[in-house]
C-alpha atoms as a PDB file:
ATOM      1  CA  MET A   1      -0.002   0.003  -0.015  1.00  0.00           C
ATOM      2  CA  LYS A   2       1.319   3.418  -0.968  1.00  0.00           C
ATOM      3  CA  LEU A   3       0.754   6.701   0.861  1.00  0.00           C
ATOM      4  CA  LYS A   4       1.116  10.048  -0.857  1.00  0.00           C
ATOM      5  CA  ILE A   5       0.608  13.367   0.937  1.00  0.00           C
ATOM      6  CA  THR A   6       0.685  16.695  -0.886  1.00  0.00           C
ATOM      7  CA  ILE A   7       0.630  19.957   1.041  1.00  0.00           C
ATOM      8  CA  ASP A   8      -0.807  22.736  -1.146  1.00  0.00           C
ATOM      9  CA  ARG A   9      -2.549  25.736   0.419  1.00  0.00           C
ATOM     10  CA  ASN A  10      -4.057  26.723  -2.958  1.00  0.00           C
ATOM     11  CA  HIS A  11      -5.851  23.407  -3.470  1.00  0.00           C
ATOM     12  CA  GLU A  12      -9.112  22.378  -1.792  1.00  0.00           C
ATOM     13  CA  GLU A  13      -8.535  19.695   0.823  1.00  0.00           C
ATOM     14  CA  GLU A  14      -9.598  16.242  -0.307  1.00  0.00           C
ATOM     15  CA  ILE A  15      -8.732  12.645   0.421  1.00  0.00           C
ATOM     16  CA  LEU A  16      -8.675  10.028  -2.327  1.00  0.00           C
ATOM     17  CA  LEU A  17      -8.426   6.361  -1.456  1.00  0.00           C
ATOM     18  CA  PHE A  18      -7.892   3.651  -4.033  1.00  0.00           C
ATOM     19  CA  ALA A  19      -8.510   0.116  -2.798  1.00  0.00           C
ATOM     20  CA  HIS A  20      -9.085  -3.286  -4.410  1.00  0.00           C
ATOM     21  CA  GLU A  21     -12.035  -3.942  -2.103  1.00  0.00           C
ATOM     22  CA  ARG A  22     -13.852  -2.482   0.890  1.00  0.00           C
ATOM     23  CA  THR A  23     -12.085  -3.660   4.031  1.00  0.00           C
ATOM     24  CA  LYS A  24     -12.188  -2.813   7.728  1.00  0.00           C
ATOM     25  CA  LEU A  25      -9.230  -0.446   7.147  1.00  0.00           C
ATOM     26  CA  VAL A  26     -11.111   1.391   4.398  1.00  0.00           C
ATOM     27  CA  ASP A  27     -14.171   1.671   6.678  1.00  0.00           C
ATOM     28  CA  ASN A  28     -12.009   3.015   9.530  1.00  0.00           C
ATOM     29  CA  ILE A  29     -10.363   5.610   7.312  1.00  0.00           C
ATOM     30  CA  GLU A  30     -13.746   6.716   6.003  1.00  0.00           C
ATOM     31  CA  SER A  31     -15.121   7.008   9.517  1.00  0.00           C
ATOM     32  CA  LEU A  32     -12.088   8.938  10.715  1.00  0.00           C
ATOM     33  CA  VAL A  33     -12.364  11.427   7.871  1.00  0.00           C
ATOM     34  CA  LYS A  34     -16.108  11.903   8.347  1.00  0.00           C
ATOM     35  CA  ASN A  35     -15.743  12.514  12.075  1.00  0.00           C
ATOM     36  CA  PHE A  36     -12.674  14.705  11.838  1.00  0.00           C
ATOM     37  CA  SER A  37     -14.076  17.043   9.261  1.00  0.00           C
ATOM     38  CA  ARG A  38     -17.455  17.472  10.997  1.00  0.00           C
ATOM     39  CA  GLU A  39     -17.999  19.964  13.769  1.00  0.00           C
ATOM     40  CA  ILE A  40     -20.809  20.905  16.128  1.00  0.00           C
ATOM     41  CA  ILE A  41     -21.336  23.805  18.484  1.00  0.00           C
ATOM     42  CA  GLY A  42     -21.458  23.125  22.241  1.00  0.00           C
ATOM     43  CA  TYR A  43     -22.512  25.565  24.924  1.00  0.00           C
ATOM     44  CA  THR A  44     -22.047  26.235  28.626  1.00  0.00           C
ATOM     45  CA  GLU A  45     -23.828  29.073  30.369  1.00  0.00           C
ATOM     46  CA  THR A  46     -21.046  31.513  29.536  1.00  0.00           C
ATOM     47  CA  GLN A  47     -19.038  30.020  26.671  1.00  0.00           C
ATOM     48  CA  THR A  48     -19.429  28.512  23.204  1.00  0.00           C
ATOM     49  CA  TYR A  49     -17.147  25.764  21.859  1.00  0.00           C
ATOM     50  CA  ILE A  50     -16.569  24.239  18.424  1.00  0.00           C
ATOM     51  CA  LEU A  51     -16.359  20.465  18.859  1.00  0.00           C
ATOM     52  CA  HIS A  52     -15.012  17.917  16.389  1.00  0.00           C
ATOM     53  CA  PHE A  53     -17.053  14.697  16.429  1.00  0.00           C
ATOM     54  CA  SER A  54     -13.860  12.729  16.963  1.00  0.00           C
ATOM     55  CA  ASN A  55     -13.401  14.439  20.352  1.00  0.00           C
ATOM     56  CA  ILE A  56     -16.879  13.605  21.632  1.00  0.00           C
ATOM     57  CA  THR A  57     -17.298  10.573  23.892  1.00  0.00           C
ATOM     58  CA  CYS A  58     -21.086  10.434  23.631  1.00  0.00           C
ATOM     59  CA  PHE A  59     -24.280  12.423  23.316  1.00  0.00           C
ATOM     60  CA  ILE A  60     -26.807  12.136  26.136  1.00  0.00           C
ATOM     61  CA  VAL A  61     -30.232  13.506  27.034  1.00  0.00           C
ATOM     62  CA  GLU A  62     -30.836  14.902  30.537  1.00  0.00           C
ATOM     63  CA  ASN A  63     -33.885  16.926  31.520  1.00  0.00           C
ATOM     64  CA  ASN A  64     -34.995  17.154  27.872  1.00  0.00           C
ATOM     65  CA  LYS A  65     -31.693  18.764  26.845  1.00  0.00           C
ATOM     66  CA  VAL A  66     -29.007  17.159  24.675  1.00  0.00           C
ATOM     67  CA  TYR A  67     -25.394  17.240  25.863  1.00  0.00           C
ATOM     68  CA  ALA A  68     -22.077  16.241  24.314  1.00  0.00           C
ATOM     69  CA  ILE A  69     -19.723  14.544  26.772  1.00  0.00           C
ATOM     70  CA  THR A  70     -16.026  15.131  26.072  1.00  0.00           C
ATOM     71  CA  ASP A  71     -12.917  14.188  28.012  1.00  0.00           C
ATOM     72  CA  LYS A  72     -13.214  17.288  30.178  1.00  0.00           C
ATOM     73  CA  GLU A  73     -16.769  18.574  30.185  1.00  0.00           C
ATOM     74  CA  LYS A  74     -20.437  18.275  29.371  1.00  0.00           C
ATOM     75  CA  LEU A  75     -21.652  20.812  26.797  1.00  0.00           C
ATOM     76  CA  GLN A  76     -25.211  21.498  25.733  1.00  0.00           C
ATOM     77  CA  ILE A  77     -26.064  20.907  22.075  1.00  0.00           C
ATOM     78  CA  LYS A  78     -28.979  22.699  20.384  1.00  0.00           C
ATOM     79  CA  MET A  79     -30.064  19.677  18.342  1.00  0.00           C
ATOM     80  CA  ARG A  80     -32.240  16.689  19.057  1.00  0.00           C
ATOM     81  CA  LEU A  81     -30.782  13.204  19.447  1.00  0.00           C
ATOM     82  CA  TYR A  82     -32.555  11.894  16.354  1.00  0.00           C
ATOM     83  CA  GLN A  83     -31.067  14.765  14.296  1.00  0.00           C
ATOM     84  CA  LEU A  84     -27.584  13.866  15.572  1.00  0.00           C
ATOM     85  CA  GLU A  85     -28.149  10.215  14.825  1.00  0.00           C
ATOM     86  CA  GLU A  86     -28.874  11.009  11.175  1.00  0.00           C
ATOM     87  CA  MET A  87     -25.690  13.064  10.687  1.00  0.00           C
ATOM     88  CA  LEU A  88     -23.214  10.937  12.668  1.00  0.00           C
ATOM     89  CA  SER A  89     -20.892   8.429  11.021  1.00  0.00           C
ATOM     90  CA  ASP A  90     -20.521   4.724  11.724  1.00  0.00           C
ATOM     91  CA  SER A  91     -18.234   5.541  14.650  1.00  0.00           C
ATOM     92  CA  PHE A  92     -21.328   6.333  16.689  1.00  0.00           C
ATOM     93  CA  VAL A  93     -23.967   3.857  17.832  1.00  0.00           C
ATOM     94  CA  LYS A  94     -27.152   4.336  19.832  1.00  0.00           C
ATOM     95  CA  ILE A  95     -26.841   2.398  23.085  1.00  0.00           C
ATOM     96  CA  ASN A  96     -30.160   3.411  24.621  1.00  0.00           C
ATOM     97  CA  GLN A  97     -33.016   5.916  24.107  1.00  0.00           C
ATOM     98  CA  SER A  98     -30.971   8.757  25.589  1.00  0.00           C
ATOM     99  CA  CYS A  99     -27.362   8.036  24.572  1.00  0.00           C
ATOM    100  CA  ILE A 100     -25.375   7.794  21.333  1.00  0.00           C
ATOM    101  CA  ALA A 101     -21.839   6.520  21.965  1.00  0.00           C
ATOM    102  CA  ASN A 102     -18.585   7.019  20.071  1.00  0.00           C
ATOM    103  CA  ILE A 103     -17.263   3.465  19.563  1.00  0.00           C
ATOM    104  CA  ASN A 104     -13.681   4.736  19.494  1.00  0.00           C
ATOM    105  CA  GLU A 105     -14.067   6.113  23.033  1.00  0.00           C
ATOM    106  CA  ILE A 106     -15.381   2.903  24.630  1.00  0.00           C
ATOM    107  CA  LYS A 107     -12.957   1.464  27.177  1.00  0.00           C
ATOM    108  CA  ARG A 108     -14.881  -1.661  28.222  1.00  0.00           C
ATOM    109  CA  PHE A 109     -18.234  -3.317  28.751  1.00  0.00           C
ATOM    110  CA  ASP A 110     -19.282  -4.486  32.236  1.00  0.00           C
ATOM    111  CA  SER A 111     -21.986  -7.132  32.478  1.00  0.00           C
ATOM    112  CA  SER A 112     -23.927  -8.022  35.571  1.00  0.00           C
ATOM    113  CA  ILE A 113     -25.662 -11.164  36.778  1.00  0.00           C
ATOM    114  CA  SER A 114     -29.031  -9.582  36.052  1.00  0.00           C
ATOM    115  CA  GLY A 115     -28.069  -9.328  32.368  1.00  0.00           C
ATOM    116  CA  THR A 116     -27.488  -5.600  32.134  1.00  0.00           C
ATOM    117  CA  LEU A 117     -24.568  -4.342  30.081  1.00  0.00           C
ATOM    118  CA  LYS A 118     -22.793  -1.144  31.036  1.00  0.00           C
ATOM    119  CA  VAL A 119     -20.505   0.811  28.707  1.00  0.00           C
ATOM    120  CA  VAL A 120     -17.528   2.488  30.388  1.00  0.00           C
ATOM    121  CA  PHE A 121     -15.802   5.159  28.337  1.00  0.00           C
ATOM    122  CA  LYS A 122     -12.122   6.188  28.424  1.00  0.00           C
ATOM    123  CA  ASN A 123     -13.026   9.366  30.333  1.00  0.00           C
ATOM    124  CA  GLY A 124     -14.737   7.350  33.089  1.00  0.00           C
ATOM    125  CA  TYR A 125     -18.341   8.114  32.143  1.00  0.00           C
ATOM    126  CA  GLY A 126     -20.627   5.104  32.004  1.00  0.00           C
ATOM    127  CA  ASP A 127     -24.112   4.326  30.705  1.00  0.00           C
ATOM    128  CA  TYR A 128     -26.245   1.219  30.236  1.00  0.00           C
ATOM    129  CA  VAL A 129     -27.022  -0.525  26.968  1.00  0.00           C
ATOM    130  CA  SER A 130     -30.704  -1.206  26.413  1.00  0.00           C
ATOM    131  CA  ARG A 131     -31.644  -4.781  25.524  1.00  0.00           C
ATOM    132  CA  ARG A 132     -33.024  -3.717  22.141  1.00  0.00           C
ATOM    133  CA  ASN A 133     -29.658  -2.159  21.146  1.00  0.00           C
ATOM    134  CA  ILE A 134     -27.320  -4.975  22.261  1.00  0.00           C
ATOM    135  CA  LYS A 135     -27.583  -6.783  18.924  1.00  0.00           C
ATOM    136  CA  ALA A 136     -26.730  -3.661  16.894  1.00  0.00           C
ATOM    137  CA  ILE A 137     -23.711  -2.916  19.110  1.00  0.00           C
ATOM    138  CA  LYS A 138     -22.418  -6.449  18.821  1.00  0.00           C
ATOM    139  CA  GLU A 139     -22.761  -6.326  15.040  1.00  0.00           C
ATOM    140  CA  ARG A 140     -20.982  -2.971  14.860  1.00  0.00           C
ATOM    141  CA  LEU A 141     -18.115  -4.265  17.002  1.00  0.00           C
ATOM    142  CA  GLY A 142     -17.937  -7.586  15.187  1.00  0.00           C
ATOM    143  CA  VAL A 143     -18.764  -9.620  18.303  1.00  0.00           C
ATOM    144  CA  LYS A 144     -21.079 -12.619  18.125  1.00  0.00           C
END
């Protein structure tokens, strides 16, 4: 596999990928590019932030407001969860009715005797996977 990088400030940024077939690597590169180039605005009471999707651990709903959880803070987003779900790449998966998780930020899954499955993220935040979403998460992660 060859890699060619050309730095040219006068040319529009683009990424071209030539492959013999669609592989996991191709999917990962596509997901990385989609997430890196996309941004969203997050708010606190006094400040506004531009967030890259690749830096977001998950999106959650609390008290009918949508928040983006990052490594350091929780920022309000002025979109609905279903709107976010439509625009997010394959790096994100809905784990329950009020949380969309970034697969790349998942540290581990904890299961309990009662059958619940908890997602623990790299930043320490955790949330539970609903039973109806377990199959989709397993498929996305390639686990049977």
